[in-house]
Amino acid sequence: MSTLATPFGFASTAGEVVSGIDLSGRQAVVTGASSGIGAETARALAATGAAVTLAVRDVAAGERVAKDITESTGSQDVRAAHLDLTDPASITAFTNAWQGPLHVLVNNAGVMACPEQYTGQGWEWQFATNHLGHFALATGLHSALAADGNARIVVVSSTGHQQSPIVWDDVNFAFRPYDPWLAYGQSKTANVLFAVEVTRRWAGDNITANALMPGAIYTNLQRHTGGRGSGRVPAELIKTVDQGAATSVLLATSPLLEGVGGRYFVDCNETEIVDRRSGTLHGVARYAVDPAGARRLWDLSQDLITRAA
């Protein structure tokens, strides 16, 4: 299977990626869309004519962004809805309230390198926010996604996944000392594995999922790291927010991704599988696209979510 190449690259913007694409009559959900690349992803999707729901913790902030998107795109079908990915009850309320088919789900929300913290269920905060919450959201919306017959899930991961595979015996750091970057890496590995398994498990529903590294962008995601992420990315590799949203938007809308799933993209193109940390923002670790690991993560996640219900 050859890697998928597109006409877009590092400097492409979300607006350029969606130019000429019409998603009128379709519905999209973008989590964490009250700022950063989530807001720009939602803006680009609204520009295609899609009805866009901003799934956010801070509804007031989401409503401000929705108003701004309406003003900049002319779309009258942009709204904010409450969603807290660390709260199973909030996720259930969101999925129960959803009406009609869902064509695009962008799992964008996330936290990075945060201090040690746990949910009420005892889940490590980054694993809970970045993976488990989105897992519960997607599975809760499965019937809506299946109703489309050609739905796409976009999963925002990170090159940080190369920091850690899934530590199966201790995903919640119950025994090993907590390390914010290892916890982040594990959660980002989970994001990629989720995309792999969705594509296999829901193939009969024509639902595909792909994961991506958006690039290095200065947003609220870096609030726990002094505003500059890991601090190891050269200045020339820093993207604007509009450039950072481009790969998400490509995976959500491009005809080139029709029927394509279970892959990992960087700079709007599929990247290579690596067996060592690449030292760049490119490359996906072999363990992050391992089908057996993807199935194991699904079963673990389903068990955790079921017990929390």
Protein backbone atom coordinates (compact mmCIF):
# COMPACT_ATOMS: atom_id res chain seq x y z
CA MET A 1 0.00 0.00 0.00
CA SER A 2 1.60 3.24 -1.17
CA THR A 3 1.52 6.37 0.97
CA LEU A 4 -1.04 8.95 -0.03
CA ALA A 5 0.31 12.21 -1.43
CA THR A 6 -1.70 15.39 -2.00
CA PRO A 7 -1.02 18.75 -3.72
CA PHE A 8 -0.85 20.40 -0.29
CA GLY A 9 1.99 20.72 2.17
CA PHE A 10 3.55 22.44 5.18
CA ALA A 11 2.47 25.98 4.29
CA SER A 12 -1.04 25.16 3.05
CA THR A 13 -3.91 26.80 4.90
CA ALA A 14 -7.29 25.41 5.82
CA GLY A 15 -8.91 27.87 3.44
CA GLU A 16 -6.79 26.66 0.54
CA VAL A 17 -7.58 23.03 1.29
CA VAL A 18 -11.37 23.53 1.17
CA SER A 19 -11.41 25.79 -1.86
CA GLY A 20 -14.09 24.53 -4.24
CA ILE A 21 -15.48 21.90 -1.84
CA ASP A 22 -19.23 21.91 -1.17
CA LEU A 23 -20.56 20.17 1.95
CA SER A 24 -24.00 21.77 1.92
CA GLY A 25 -26.56 19.63 3.71
CA ARG A 26 -23.96 17.83 5.81
CA GLN A 27 -23.33 18.04 9.53
CA ALA A 28 -19.98 18.28 11.29
CA VAL A 29 -18.86 18.30 14.93
CA VAL A 30 -15.54 19.77 16.02
CA THR A 31 -14.48 19.27 19.63
CA GLY A 32 -12.42 21.93 21.37
CA ALA A 33 -13.45 24.52 18.79
CA SER A 34 -13.56 27.55 21.08
CA SER A 35 -9.98 28.51 20.14
CA GLY A 36 -6.87 27.49 18.25
CA ILE A 37 -6.90 25.05 15.37
CA GLY A 38 -10.32 23.78 16.42
CA ALA A 39 -11.86 27.17 15.73
CA GLU A 40 -10.10 27.42 12.36
CA THR A 41 -11.14 23.88 11.45
CA ALA A 42 -14.75 24.80 12.22
CA ARG A 43 -14.43 27.99 10.18
CA ALA A 44 -13.16 26.12 7.13
CA LEU A 45 -15.92 23.52 7.41
CA ALA A 46 -18.55 26.25 7.72
CA ALA A 47 -17.14 27.87 4.58
CA THR A 48 -17.99 24.68 2.65
CA GLY A 49 -21.66 25.01 3.61
CA ALA A 50 -21.64 22.32 6.30
CA ALA A 51 -23.70 22.79 9.47
CA VAL A 52 -21.06 22.92 12.19
CA THR A 53 -21.42 22.22 15.91
CA LEU A 54 -18.66 23.48 18.18
CA ALA A 55 -18.48 20.94 21.03
CA VAL A 56 -16.88 22.87 23.87
CA ARG A 57 -16.55 23.05 27.65
CA ASP A 58 -16.99 26.83 27.73
CA VAL A 59 -20.23 27.46 25.85
CA ALA A 60 -19.94 31.24 26.12
CA ALA A 61 -16.52 31.13 24.45
CA GLY A 62 -17.90 28.74 21.85
CA GLU A 63 -20.79 31.06 21.09
CA ARG A 64 -18.36 33.95 20.55
CA VAL A 65 -16.40 31.85 18.08
CA ALA A 66 -19.60 30.69 16.37
CA LYS A 67 -20.66 34.32 15.91
CA ASP A 68 -17.24 35.20 14.49
CA ILE A 69 -17.40 32.26 12.07
CA THR A 70 -20.87 33.33 10.94
CA GLU A 71 -19.60 36.84 10.30
CA SER A 72 -16.52 35.68 8.39
CA THR A 73 -18.17 32.94 6.29
CA GLY A 74 -21.80 34.01 6.03
CA SER A 75 -22.91 30.63 7.35
CA GLN A 76 -26.01 30.78 9.53
CA ASP A 77 -25.67 27.18 10.67
CA VAL A 78 -22.90 27.31 13.26
CA ARG A 79 -23.68 26.63 16.90
CA ALA A 80 -21.95 25.83 20.19
CA ALA A 81 -22.93 22.92 22.45
CA HIS A 82 -21.59 21.86 25.82
CA LEU A 83 -19.21 18.90 25.98
CA ASP A 84 -16.79 17.98 28.76
CA LEU A 85 -14.67 15.04 27.60
CA THR A 86 -13.66 14.16 31.17
CA ASP A 87 -17.29 13.76 32.27
CA PRO A 88 -19.13 10.65 31.00
CA ALA A 89 -22.48 12.23 31.86
CA SER A 90 -21.70 15.24 29.68
CA ILE A 91 -20.73 13.01 26.76
CA THR A 92 -23.92 10.99 27.13
CA ALA A 93 -26.01 14.16 27.21
CA PHE A 94 -24.35 15.39 24.02
CA THR A 95 -24.79 12.13 22.12
CA ASN A 96 -28.37 11.65 23.31
CA ALA A 97 -29.27 15.15 22.13
CA TRP A 98 -27.79 14.71 18.67
CA GLN A 99 -30.32 14.61 15.85
CA GLY A 100 -29.90 13.41 12.29
CA PRO A 101 -26.92 11.93 10.49
CA LEU A 102 -23.38 13.05 11.25
CA HIS A 103 -21.01 13.30 8.32
CA VAL A 104 -17.78 14.59 9.90
CA LEU A 105 -16.50 14.21 13.47
CA VAL A 106 -13.26 16.04 14.26
CA ASN A 107 -11.73 14.86 17.54
CA ASN A 108 -9.67 17.99 18.04
CA ALA A 109 -9.86 18.87 21.75
CA GLY A 110 -6.91 17.98 23.93
CA VAL A 111 -4.55 18.77 26.76
CA MET A 112 -0.78 18.58 26.74
CA ALA A 113 1.80 17.89 29.45
CA CYS A 114 -0.54 18.91 32.25
CA PRO A 115 0.23 18.39 35.95
CA GLU A 116 -0.81 15.07 37.47
CA GLN A 117 -4.59 14.94 37.71
CA TYR A 118 -7.30 12.28 37.61
CA THR A 119 -10.98 12.16 36.75
CA GLY A 120 -13.65 10.97 39.15
CA GLN A 121 -13.29 7.52 37.61
CA GLY A 122 -9.56 7.46 38.41
CA TRP A 123 -8.48 7.98 34.80
CA GLU A 124 -5.29 9.92 34.14
CA TRP A 125 -6.35 13.33 32.81
CA GLN A 126 -4.56 13.31 29.45
CA PHE A 127 -5.59 9.75 28.59
CA ALA A 128 -9.15 10.61 29.63
CA THR A 129 -9.38 13.87 27.69
CA ASN A 130 -7.41 13.04 24.58
CA HIS A 131 -8.57 9.47 24.10
CA LEU A 132 -11.27 8.03 26.37
CA GLY A 133 -13.63 11.00 26.07
CA HIS A 134 -13.37 10.99 22.31
CA PHE A 135 -13.80 7.21 22.26
CA ALA A 136 -17.05 7.54 24.22
CA LEU A 137 -18.18 10.39 21.98
CA ALA A 138 -17.56 8.50 18.74
CA THR A 139 -19.14 5.28 19.94
CA GLY A 140 -22.11 7.22 21.29
CA LEU A 141 -22.53 8.86 17.87
CA HIS A 142 -21.98 5.65 15.93
CA SER A 143 -25.55 5.37 14.67
CA ALA A 144 -25.49 8.99 13.47
CA LEU A 145 -22.18 8.39 11.68
CA ALA A 146 -23.45 5.15 10.15
CA ALA A 147 -26.59 6.89 8.89
CA ASP A 148 -24.51 8.92 6.46
CA GLY A 149 -23.03 5.90 4.75
CA ASN A 150 -19.80 7.75 4.10
CA ALA A 151 -18.80 9.47 7.33
CA ARG A 152 -15.32 10.51 8.34
CA ILE A 153 -13.66 10.80 11.74
CA VAL A 154 -10.58 13.00 12.02
CA VAL A 155 -8.33 12.43 15.03
CA VAL A 156 -5.80 15.08 16.05
CA SER A 157 -2.74 13.28 17.38
CA SER A 158 0.87 14.49 17.61
CA THR A 159 4.47 13.54 16.96
CA GLY A 160 4.48 13.39 20.75
CA HIS A 161 3.08 9.87 20.34
CA GLN A 162 6.70 8.83 19.76
CA GLN A 163 7.35 9.55 23.44
CA SER A 164 5.41 6.49 24.62
CA PRO A 165 3.45 3.46 23.47
CA ILE A 166 0.42 2.34 25.49
CA VAL A 167 1.65 0.97 28.80
CA TRP A 168 -1.05 -1.65 29.04
CA ASP A 169 -0.55 -2.60 32.68
CA ASP A 170 -0.53 0.99 33.92
CA VAL A 171 -2.32 3.41 31.61
CA ASN A 172 -3.35 5.54 34.59
CA PHE A 173 0.10 5.83 36.24
CA ALA A 174 -1.09 3.99 39.31
CA PHE A 175 2.33 2.41 39.86
CA ARG A 176 4.93 4.33 37.84
CA PRO A 177 5.87 7.92 38.66
CA TYR A 178 3.77 10.37 36.71
CA ASP A 179 5.54 12.07 33.83
CA PRO A 180 3.51 14.68 31.90
CA TRP A 181 5.24 14.03 28.58
CA LEU A 182 4.98 10.25 28.81
CA ALA A 183 1.31 10.61 29.66
CA TYR A 184 0.83 12.93 26.70
CA GLY A 185 2.69 10.54 24.40
CA GLN A 186 0.60 7.58 25.52
CA SER A 187 -2.63 9.49 24.89
CA LYS A 188 -1.48 10.53 21.43
CA THR A 189 -0.55 6.94 20.58
CA ALA A 190 -4.07 6.01 21.63
CA ASN A 191 -5.43 8.56 19.15
CA VAL A 192 -3.69 6.88 16.23
CA LEU A 193 -4.66 3.36 17.32
CA PHE A 194 -8.27 4.51 17.61
CA ALA A 195 -8.26 5.64 13.97
CA VAL A 196 -6.85 2.29 12.90
CA GLU A 197 -9.51 0.28 14.73
CA VAL A 198 -12.46 2.50 13.76
CA THR A 199 -11.61 1.96 10.12
CA ARG A 200 -11.47 -1.83 10.57
CA ARG A 201 -14.38 -2.23 12.95
CA TRP A 202 -16.83 0.12 11.23
CA ALA A 203 -15.89 -0.72 7.64
CA GLY A 204 -19.35 -2.17 7.05
CA ASP A 205 -20.82 1.25 7.82
CA ASN A 206 -18.38 2.98 5.43
CA ILE A 207 -16.97 5.02 8.33
CA THR A 208 -13.30 5.87 8.00
CA ALA A 209 -10.93 7.51 10.47
CA ASN A 210 -7.49 9.03 10.02
CA ALA A 211 -5.09 10.61 12.50
CA LEU A 212 -2.76 13.53 12.04
CA MET A 213 -0.03 15.72 13.43
CA PRO A 214 -1.16 19.34 12.87
CA GLY A 215 2.33 20.77 13.29
CA ALA A 216 3.82 23.07 15.87
CA ILE A 217 1.38 25.92 16.52
CA TYR A 218 1.28 28.30 19.47
CA THR A 219 -2.20 27.95 20.99
CA ASN A 220 -3.84 27.45 24.38
CA LEU A 221 -2.70 23.83 24.19
CA GLN A 222 0.68 25.02 25.46
CA ARG A 223 -0.71 26.60 28.63
CA HIS A 224 1.11 24.07 30.83
CA THR A 225 4.43 24.49 29.03
CA GLY A 226 4.97 28.23 29.12
CA GLY A 227 3.23 28.82 25.81
CA ARG A 228 5.91 27.27 23.63
CA GLY A 229 5.20 23.53 23.61
CA SER A 230 8.24 21.35 24.07
CA GLY A 231 10.54 24.25 23.21
CA ARG A 232 12.48 22.01 20.82
CA VAL A 233 10.87 22.99 17.50
CA PRO A 234 12.90 25.35 15.29
CA ALA A 235 11.23 28.68 14.57
CA GLU A 236 10.98 27.96 10.85
CA LEU A 237 8.76 24.95 11.57
CA ILE A 238 6.17 26.89 13.56
CA LYS A 239 2.86 27.18 11.72
CA THR A 240 0.09 29.75 11.86
CA VAL A 241 -3.22 28.56 13.28
CA ASP A 242 -4.74 28.52 9.79
CA GLN A 243 -1.87 26.34 8.55
CA GLY A 244 -2.21 24.12 11.61
CA ALA A 245 -5.86 23.39 10.78
CA ALA A 246 -5.12 22.45 7.18
CA THR A 247 -4.39 18.76 7.69
CA SER A 248 -7.52 18.24 9.81
CA VAL A 249 -9.62 19.95 7.16
CA LEU A 250 -8.01 17.94 4.38
CA LEU A 251 -8.87 14.65 6.09
CA ALA A 252 -12.41 15.87 6.74
CA THR A 253 -13.23 17.10 3.24
CA SER A 254 -10.87 16.10 0.44
CA PRO A 255 -12.10 13.72 -2.29
CA LEU A 256 -8.59 12.25 -2.18
CA LEU A 257 -9.48 10.68 1.19
CA GLU A 258 -12.60 8.94 -0.09
CA GLY A 259 -12.59 5.45 1.41
CA VAL A 260 -9.15 5.97 3.00
CA GLY A 261 -8.73 5.20 6.69
CA GLY A 262 -6.42 4.02 9.41
CA ARG A 263 -3.56 6.25 8.31
CA TYR A 264 -1.48 9.06 9.82
CA PHE A 265 -0.78 12.39 8.14
CA VAL A 266 1.66 15.26 8.61
CA ASP A 267 1.68 18.47 6.56
CA CYS A 268 -1.34 17.28 4.54
CA ASN A 269 0.38 14.08 3.40
CA GLU A 270 0.61 10.56 4.74
CA THR A 271 3.89 10.05 6.57
CA GLU A 272 6.20 7.07 6.86
CA ILE A 273 6.22 4.36 9.54
CA VAL A 274 9.31 4.57 11.78
CA ASP A 275 10.95 2.22 14.27
CA ARG A 276 12.88 4.89 16.18
CA ARG A 277 12.05 8.46 17.21
CA SER A 278 12.46 10.35 13.98
CA GLY A 279 13.91 13.56 15.41
CA THR A 280 11.49 15.48 13.17
CA LEU A 281 7.78 16.18 13.21
CA HIS A 282 7.26 13.43 10.63
CA GLY A 283 6.90 9.68 11.05
CA VAL A 284 4.43 7.43 12.83
CA ALA A 285 5.70 4.80 15.26
CA ARG A 286 5.00 1.24 14.17
CA TYR A 287 3.34 0.51 17.52
CA ALA A 288 0.84 3.32 16.87
CA VAL A 289 -0.54 1.68 13.73
CA ASP A 290 -0.37 -1.92 14.93
CA PRO A 291 -3.75 -3.61 14.28
CA ALA A 292 -3.43 -5.92 17.29
CA GLY A 293 -2.69 -2.97 19.56
CA ALA A 294 -5.63 -1.08 18.07
CA ARG A 295 -8.02 -3.94 18.87
CA ARG A 296 -6.61 -4.26 22.38
CA LEU A 297 -7.04 -0.54 23.03
CA TRP A 298 -10.63 -0.64 21.82
CA ASP A 299 -11.47 -3.47 24.19
CA LEU A 300 -9.75 -1.71 27.10
CA SER A 301 -11.51 1.58 26.33
CA GLN A 302 -14.89 -0.08 25.98
CA ASP A 303 -14.43 -1.82 29.33
CA LEU A 304 -13.48 1.44 31.08
CA ILE A 305 -16.36 3.39 29.56
CA THR A 306 -18.87 0.64 30.35
CA ARG A 307 -17.78 0.46 33.98
CA ALA A 308 -18.15 4.23 34.28
CA ALA A 309 -21.71 4.21 32.99
